[in-house]
Amino acid sequence: MTLKLNCDLGESFGSWKMGLDEAVMPHIDQANIACGFHAGDPLVLQKTLTLAKQHGVTVGAHPGYPDLVGFGRRSIKASAAELKAMVQYQIAAIDGMAASQGLTLEYVKPHGAMYNDMMANADVRAAIMAAIAGYHRPVVLMLQGTPDAAKHREEAKAAGIELWFEAFADRCYDDDGRLLARTKEGAVHNREKMLAQVKQLAENGTVTTVSGNTLNLHADTLCVHGDNMEGVNAIQEIREMLHS
């Protein structure tokens, strides 16, 4: 399995700084860039695109609910039409700014609560897929690889869009293939467990769940986090492992 590395970036806002984008960008393949609803602002977006261009990193939109205060981690009840419009609005913003720098937006990965709602709620997922399908040119949708991947592929095929499945380097998986809730002990792996999980995914296409079961998991891309130097160093180790 050849895994790309993706990371959420461009999440600073005004004088408030989030993440170590300059340190992370040289070591990843795909940048999920905030579009201004949950984080980011026009100048941050522009600078993050420039950074991605400098390092030859594929650019993706990272749309979320309009929730700056909650960092997009709170669900917002919205109609299908509202969801479609808010997703397309954010895609269009980054797509236009990317084109102005000679970059092509390749994919969309929803953020935070929108991502979680998409995975848990078929209606939300259908609205987001409709937003992707209704955009004026093809873009790929990134969503979590789970045991429901075959069903999600069929949904995407019916909508006329392409999917990339994502796994998580530092998160423990429940027995049903979902991420173990952060409120539960062991939800976030330490460095040793994270590197072991990446190695297992890359070599066998499996993860070991919280109960010790082995779970088959198709993934095209691996989500890593670099909001501290320890995380950045871990990304470097992961990249070396995947390319060794």
Protein backbone atom coordinates (compact mmCIF):
# COMPACT_ATOMS: atom_id res chain seq x y z
CA MET A 1 0.00 0.00 0.00
CA THR A 2 1.39 3.39 -1.03
CA LEU A 3 0.13 5.99 1.41
CA LYS A 4 0.16 9.74 0.82
CA LEU A 5 0.55 11.99 3.87
CA ASN A 6 -2.07 14.70 4.42
CA CYS A 7 -2.21 17.42 7.08
CA ASP A 8 -4.67 20.17 8.09
CA LEU A 9 -2.99 23.52 7.50
CA GLY A 10 -3.74 27.22 7.08
CA GLU A 11 -5.66 27.36 10.35
CA SER A 12 -4.18 30.56 11.76
CA PHE A 13 -6.45 33.61 11.93
CA GLY A 14 -5.31 37.22 12.13
CA SER A 15 -2.71 37.51 14.88
CA TRP A 16 -3.65 34.08 16.28
CA LYS A 17 -1.26 31.34 15.12
CA MET A 18 -2.23 27.69 14.81
CA GLY A 19 0.13 24.95 13.69
CA LEU A 20 3.66 24.86 12.33
CA ASP A 21 2.85 25.03 8.63
CA GLU A 22 6.34 26.03 7.48
CA ALA A 23 7.89 23.07 9.32
CA VAL A 24 5.26 20.55 8.19
CA MET A 25 4.87 21.39 4.50
CA PRO A 26 8.21 19.93 3.29
CA HIS A 27 7.29 16.48 4.62
CA ILE A 28 3.72 15.95 3.35
CA ASP A 29 2.04 15.18 0.03
CA GLN A 30 -1.37 16.81 0.52
CA ALA A 31 -2.32 20.02 2.32
CA ASN A 32 -5.90 20.31 3.60
CA ILE A 33 -6.21 24.10 3.70
CA ALA A 34 -8.83 25.88 5.82
CA CYS A 35 -11.23 28.02 3.80
CA GLY A 36 -12.20 30.67 6.38
CA PHE A 37 -15.34 29.23 7.97
CA HIS A 38 -13.80 27.32 10.89
CA ALA A 39 -10.30 28.82 10.65
CA GLY A 40 -8.01 30.76 8.36
CA ASP A 41 -8.43 34.13 6.68
CA PRO A 42 -7.70 35.41 3.14
CA LEU A 43 -4.06 36.30 3.84
CA VAL A 44 -3.39 33.02 5.66
CA LEU A 45 -5.01 31.13 2.79
CA GLN A 46 -2.87 32.96 0.25
CA LYS A 47 0.36 32.34 2.19
CA THR A 48 -0.45 28.66 2.73
CA LEU A 49 -1.05 28.17 -0.98
CA THR A 50 2.28 29.84 -1.71
CA LEU A 51 4.00 27.50 0.75
CA ALA A 52 2.36 24.46 -0.86
CA LYS A 53 3.52 25.62 -4.28
CA GLN A 54 7.09 26.05 -3.05
CA HIS A 55 7.19 22.43 -1.85
CA GLY A 56 5.18 20.81 -4.65
CA VAL A 57 2.38 19.75 -2.30
CA THR A 58 -1.08 18.84 -3.64
CA VAL A 59 -3.73 21.35 -2.54
CA GLY A 60 -7.08 20.39 -1.03
CA ALA A 61 -9.99 22.39 0.38
CA HIS A 62 -10.76 21.90 4.08
CA PRO A 63 -14.28 23.32 4.49
CA GLY A 64 -16.12 23.34 7.80
CA TYR A 65 -19.18 24.70 9.50
CA PRO A 66 -19.24 28.51 9.96
CA ASP A 67 -17.94 28.31 13.52
CA LEU A 68 -14.73 30.28 14.15
CA VAL A 69 -15.24 30.37 17.92
CA GLY A 70 -15.70 26.61 18.16
CA PHE A 71 -13.02 25.85 15.54
CA GLY A 72 -15.64 23.99 13.52
CA ARG A 73 -15.91 21.25 16.11
CA ARG A 74 -19.59 21.89 16.86
CA SER A 75 -22.31 20.47 14.65
CA ILE A 76 -24.68 22.93 13.00
CA LYS A 77 -28.08 21.73 11.91
CA ALA A 78 -28.42 22.75 8.29
CA SER A 79 -30.60 21.77 5.36
CA ALA A 80 -29.15 19.85 2.43
CA ALA A 81 -29.32 23.03 0.34
CA GLU A 82 -27.45 25.00 3.01
CA LEU A 83 -24.77 22.33 3.33
CA LYS A 84 -24.28 22.17 -0.42
CA ALA A 85 -24.00 25.96 -0.68
CA MET A 86 -21.59 26.38 2.23
CA VAL A 87 -19.30 23.64 0.92
CA GLN A 88 -19.28 24.95 -2.66
CA TYR A 89 -18.70 28.52 -1.40
CA GLN A 90 -15.58 27.45 0.47
CA ILE A 91 -14.29 25.28 -2.38
CA ALA A 92 -14.72 28.18 -4.79
CA ALA A 93 -12.76 30.53 -2.53
CA ILE A 94 -9.67 28.37 -2.34
CA ASP A 95 -10.01 27.17 -5.93
CA GLY A 96 -9.92 30.75 -7.22
CA MET A 97 -7.00 31.77 -5.03
CA ALA A 98 -5.10 28.60 -5.98
CA ALA A 99 -5.65 29.27 -9.69
CA SER A 100 -4.26 32.78 -9.20
CA GLN A 101 -0.97 31.15 -8.18
CA GLY A 102 -1.00 28.60 -10.99
CA LEU A 103 -2.17 25.80 -8.67
CA THR A 104 -5.01 23.32 -9.21
CA LEU A 105 -7.27 22.35 -6.33
CA GLU A 106 -7.43 18.54 -6.40
CA TYR A 107 -9.70 17.42 -3.56
CA VAL A 108 -11.97 18.30 -0.64
CA LYS A 109 -11.68 17.04 2.93
CA PRO A 110 -14.37 18.35 5.31
CA HIS A 111 -13.21 19.49 8.74
CA GLY A 112 -14.14 18.60 12.31
CA ALA A 113 -17.83 18.28 13.05
CA MET A 114 -18.72 18.39 9.35
CA TYR A 115 -16.40 15.43 8.73
CA ASN A 116 -17.82 13.50 11.67
CA ASP A 117 -21.39 14.27 10.61
CA MET A 118 -20.59 13.17 7.06
CA MET A 119 -19.35 9.81 8.29
CA ALA A 120 -22.23 9.24 10.73
CA ASN A 121 -25.19 10.66 8.81
CA ALA A 122 -26.12 9.47 5.31
CA ASP A 123 -28.12 12.65 4.62
CA VAL A 124 -25.17 14.91 5.45
CA ARG A 125 -22.88 12.70 3.38
CA ALA A 126 -25.30 12.84 0.44
CA ALA A 127 -25.45 16.65 0.64
CA ILE A 128 -21.65 16.93 0.66
CA MET A 129 -21.35 14.49 -2.22
CA ALA A 130 -23.93 16.57 -4.10
CA ALA A 131 -21.85 19.67 -3.46
CA ILE A 132 -18.77 17.97 -4.91
CA ALA A 133 -20.71 16.57 -7.86
CA GLY A 134 -22.33 19.95 -8.54
CA TYR A 135 -19.07 21.87 -8.61
CA HIS A 136 -18.17 23.20 -12.04
CA ARG A 137 -15.23 20.80 -12.47
CA PRO A 138 -14.20 17.45 -10.98
CA VAL A 139 -12.65 17.36 -7.50
CA VAL A 140 -12.09 14.31 -5.31
CA LEU A 141 -13.77 13.81 -1.92
CA MET A 142 -11.61 12.53 0.94
CA LEU A 143 -13.38 10.59 3.66
CA GLN A 144 -12.52 8.07 6.36
CA GLY A 145 -11.76 4.53 5.32
CA THR A 146 -14.05 2.20 7.28
CA PRO A 147 -15.61 -1.26 6.83
CA ASP A 148 -18.39 0.65 5.00
CA ALA A 149 -15.99 1.65 2.21
CA ALA A 150 -17.80 -0.46 -0.42
CA LYS A 151 -21.09 1.27 0.38
CA HIS A 152 -19.43 4.69 0.24
CA ARG A 153 -17.91 3.82 -3.13
CA GLU A 154 -21.37 2.98 -4.44
CA GLU A 155 -22.76 6.27 -3.11
CA ALA A 156 -19.92 8.16 -4.78
CA LYS A 157 -20.41 6.27 -8.05
CA ALA A 158 -24.10 7.17 -8.03
CA ALA A 159 -23.18 10.82 -7.41
CA GLY A 160 -20.53 10.73 -10.15
CA ILE A 161 -17.55 11.58 -7.95
CA GLU A 162 -14.24 9.98 -6.98
CA LEU A 163 -13.19 9.11 -3.42
CA TRP A 164 -9.89 8.94 -1.58
CA PHE A 165 -10.03 6.97 1.66
CA GLU A 166 -8.18 8.26 4.70
CA ALA A 167 -6.64 6.56 7.72
CA PHE A 168 -5.29 8.22 10.85
CA ALA A 169 -1.76 7.79 12.12
CA ASP A 170 -2.28 8.73 15.76
CA ARG A 171 -5.84 7.63 16.50
CA CYS A 172 -6.98 4.34 18.00
CA TYR A 173 -9.73 2.49 16.14
CA ASP A 174 -12.84 0.98 17.70
CA ASP A 175 -13.88 -2.56 16.76
CA ASP A 176 -16.43 -1.23 14.26
CA GLY A 177 -13.72 0.63 12.32
CA ARG A 178 -14.63 4.06 13.65
CA LEU A 179 -12.22 6.24 15.56
CA LEU A 180 -12.30 5.65 19.30
CA ALA A 181 -13.94 8.68 20.93
CA ARG A 182 -11.44 11.17 22.33
CA THR A 183 -13.24 10.95 25.68
CA LYS A 184 -12.07 7.33 26.03
CA GLU A 185 -8.69 6.27 27.36
CA GLY A 186 -6.18 5.44 24.66
CA ALA A 187 -8.01 7.34 21.92
CA VAL A 188 -4.80 9.10 20.84
CA HIS A 189 -1.70 6.96 20.34
CA ASN A 190 1.65 7.79 21.81
CA ARG A 191 4.62 7.99 19.43
CA GLU A 192 5.51 4.28 19.68
CA LYS A 193 1.96 3.08 18.99
CA MET A 194 1.49 5.62 16.21
CA LEU A 195 4.58 4.44 14.33
CA ALA A 196 3.56 0.80 14.83
CA GLN A 197 0.10 1.54 13.42
CA VAL A 198 1.55 3.29 10.37
CA LYS A 199 3.90 0.36 9.73
CA GLN A 200 1.02 -2.12 10.03
CA LEU A 201 -1.18 -0.08 7.68
CA ALA A 202 1.56 0.29 5.09
CA GLU A 203 2.66 -3.35 5.14
CA ASN A 204 -0.59 -5.21 5.77
CA GLY A 205 -3.47 -2.81 5.14
CA THR A 206 -4.75 -3.44 8.66
CA VAL A 207 -4.98 -1.79 12.07
CA THR A 208 -5.24 -3.31 15.53
CA THR A 209 -8.39 -2.13 17.29
CA VAL A 210 -8.84 -1.10 20.91
CA SER A 211 -9.81 -4.69 21.78
CA GLY A 212 -6.81 -6.20 19.98
CA ASN A 213 -8.72 -7.32 16.88
CA THR A 214 -7.19 -7.01 13.41
CA LEU A 215 -9.26 -4.87 11.05
CA ASN A 216 -8.78 -4.63 7.27
CA LEU A 217 -8.71 -0.99 6.26
CA HIS A 218 -8.26 0.39 2.76
CA ALA A 219 -6.54 3.76 2.77
CA ASP A 220 -5.12 6.00 0.05
CA THR A 221 -3.85 8.71 2.38
CA LEU A 222 -2.74 9.03 5.98
CA CYS A 223 -3.69 11.99 8.18
CA VAL A 224 -0.84 13.35 10.31
CA HIS A 225 -0.80 16.30 12.70
CA GLY A 226 1.94 18.89 13.06
CA ASP A 227 0.85 21.49 15.59
CA ASN A 228 3.97 20.92 17.73
CA MET A 229 7.60 20.03 17.04
CA GLU A 230 7.19 16.50 18.35
CA GLY A 231 4.45 16.01 15.78
CA VAL A 232 6.63 17.46 13.02
CA ASN A 233 9.46 15.09 13.95
CA ALA A 234 6.99 12.20 13.90
CA ILE A 235 5.86 13.18 10.38
CA GLN A 236 9.48 13.03 9.24
CA GLU A 237 9.83 9.54 10.75
CA ILE A 238 6.61 8.39 9.11
CA ARG A 239 7.71 9.70 5.73
CA GLU A 240 11.06 7.93 6.03
CA MET A 241 9.26 4.72 7.00
CA LEU A 242 6.89 4.88 4.03
CA HIS A 243 9.65 5.66 1.54
CA SER A 244 12.29 3.27 2.87
